Protein backbone atom coordinates (compact mmCIF):
# COMPACT_ATOMS: atom_id res chain seq x y z
CA UNK A 1 0.00 0.00 0.00
CA UNK A 2 1.38 3.41 -0.91
CA UNK A 3 1.84 6.35 1.43
CA UNK A 4 -1.07 8.80 1.52
CA UNK A 5 -0.47 12.11 -0.22
CA UNK A 6 -2.15 15.48 -0.26
CA UNK A 7 -5.55 15.62 1.37
CA UNK A 8 -5.29 11.98 2.52
CA UNK A 9 -2.05 12.72 4.38
CA UNK A 10 -3.65 15.75 6.03
CA UNK A 11 -6.62 13.66 7.16
CA UNK A 12 -4.30 10.97 8.53
CA UNK A 13 -2.30 13.56 10.48
CA UNK A 14 -5.48 15.02 11.92
CA UNK A 15 -6.69 11.57 13.03
CA UNK A 16 -3.29 11.02 14.70
CA UNK A 17 -3.90 14.24 16.65
CA UNK A 18 -7.37 12.99 17.62
CA UNK A 19 -5.84 9.78 18.99
CA UNK A 20 -3.23 11.72 21.01
CA UNK A 21 -5.85 14.06 22.44
CA UNK A 22 -8.14 11.12 23.26
CA UNK A 23 -5.33 9.51 25.28
CA UNK A 24 -4.82 12.79 27.16
CA UNK A 25 -8.54 13.11 27.90
CA UNK A 26 -8.72 9.48 28.98
CA UNK A 27 -5.84 9.90 31.43
CA UNK A 28 -7.29 13.07 32.91
CA UNK A 29 -10.79 11.55 33.09
CA UNK A 30 -9.37 8.55 34.95
CA UNK A 31 -7.70 10.90 37.43
CA UNK A 32 -10.97 12.81 37.79
CA UNK A 33 -12.89 9.61 38.47
CA UNK A 34 -10.47 8.80 41.28
CA UNK A 35 -10.85 12.29 42.75
CA UNK A 36 -7.24 13.21 41.95
CA UNK A 37 -7.83 16.38 39.92
CA UNK A 38 -7.51 19.77 41.50
CA UNK A 39 -9.05 22.92 40.02
CA UNK A 40 -6.19 23.33 37.54
CA UNK A 41 -6.44 19.68 36.52
CA UNK A 42 -10.17 20.01 35.97
CA UNK A 43 -9.61 23.07 33.79
CA UNK A 44 -6.99 21.13 31.83
CA UNK A 45 -9.48 18.28 31.31
CA UNK A 46 -12.16 20.71 30.14
CA UNK A 47 -9.74 22.31 27.64
CA UNK A 48 -8.61 18.90 26.40
CA UNK A 49 -12.22 17.84 25.81
CA UNK A 50 -12.89 20.99 23.78
CA UNK A 51 -9.72 20.45 21.76
CA UNK A 52 -10.69 16.83 21.16
CA UNK A 53 -14.17 17.78 19.88
CA UNK A 54 -12.67 20.37 17.53
CA UNK A 55 -9.99 17.95 16.33
CA UNK A 56 -12.63 15.32 15.54
CA UNK A 57 -14.62 17.89 13.54
CA UNK A 58 -11.50 18.87 11.57
CA UNK A 59 -10.51 15.27 10.91
CA UNK A 60 -14.01 14.43 9.69
CA UNK A 61 -13.97 17.43 7.34
CA UNK A 62 -10.52 16.45 6.06
CA UNK A 63 -11.74 12.90 5.44
CA UNK A 64 -14.72 14.19 3.49
CA UNK A 65 -12.46 16.45 1.42
CA UNK A 66 -10.04 13.59 0.75
CA UNK A 67 -12.96 11.46 -0.42
CA UNK A 68 -14.15 14.23 -2.74
CA UNK A 69 -10.64 14.69 -4.13
CA UNK A 70 -10.34 10.93 -4.73
CA UNK A 71 -13.57 10.99 -6.72
CA UNK A 72 -12.18 13.77 -8.92
CA UNK A 73 -8.92 11.95 -9.57
CA UNK A 74 -8.82 10.24 -12.96
CA UNK A 75 -8.70 6.41 -12.88
CA UNK A 76 -5.18 5.08 -12.51
CA UNK A 77 -3.82 8.43 -11.28
CA UNK A 78 -2.32 7.08 -8.06
CA UNK A 79 -3.80 5.96 -4.75
């Protein structure tokens, strides 16, 4: 399988960011569930959740754009 290029590579990078942010949110949420977050930690969790939601929106838009670009590509013009 070939490496993604253009809009596909952008979408892949954005999904990588989503996965990183999800791990951050998961770790902070676990700490929150155990009562280990102070006020600053709670604020950090809130910000991470907002960033995660925005990152998911961007990744979904990038995926949709990559799909549209693939449909416009002539047959046999790469991946």
